[in-house]
Amino acid sequence: MTLEERRAWIRLVVAVLAYAAYAVVIATRAAGGPLTAVPYGGVLLVSVGGAIAASVLAEVFAGGRSREIDVRDREIGRFADHTAQSFVVIGAVSGMLMAIAGWDHFWIANVIYLCFVLSAVLGGVTKVILYRTGMPW
């Protein structure tokens, strides 16, 4: 397994775990009440910051001696990034439209966060599949 494939796995797992932890904390705080009444800002920032810190630490400890990135790694990374960007755009447009429509801040922030997570997951899954099967051309 190359360094880039390990990094893809790490980012994929960390993104899923961080979002799952966030969702559990928010659902627990809501305790059957309205989600829009739950203070979510601090939890969301801790979730995002914790995911970034966990990814960096895991990549440092999981990294091998070889830091070389070859042409195949670059092509897979580029293809996965292009694939995953769709959710970033969907999240941005959704947030903008929800703000124009006057939705609650809770929903706007959570839709954008969910789209960021889906982007990370789609990018990670794409990289892992391409490392396992090869490029489609």
Foldseek 3Di string as FASTA:
>chain_A
DALLLVLLVLLQVLLVVLVVVLVVVLCVQCVPHDSLPGPRVVSLVCSVVVSVVSSVVVSVVPPDPDPDDDPQNVVLLVVLLVVLVVLQVVLVVVLVVCVVVPHRPVVNVVSNSVSVSSSSNSSSVSSNVCVVPNDPD
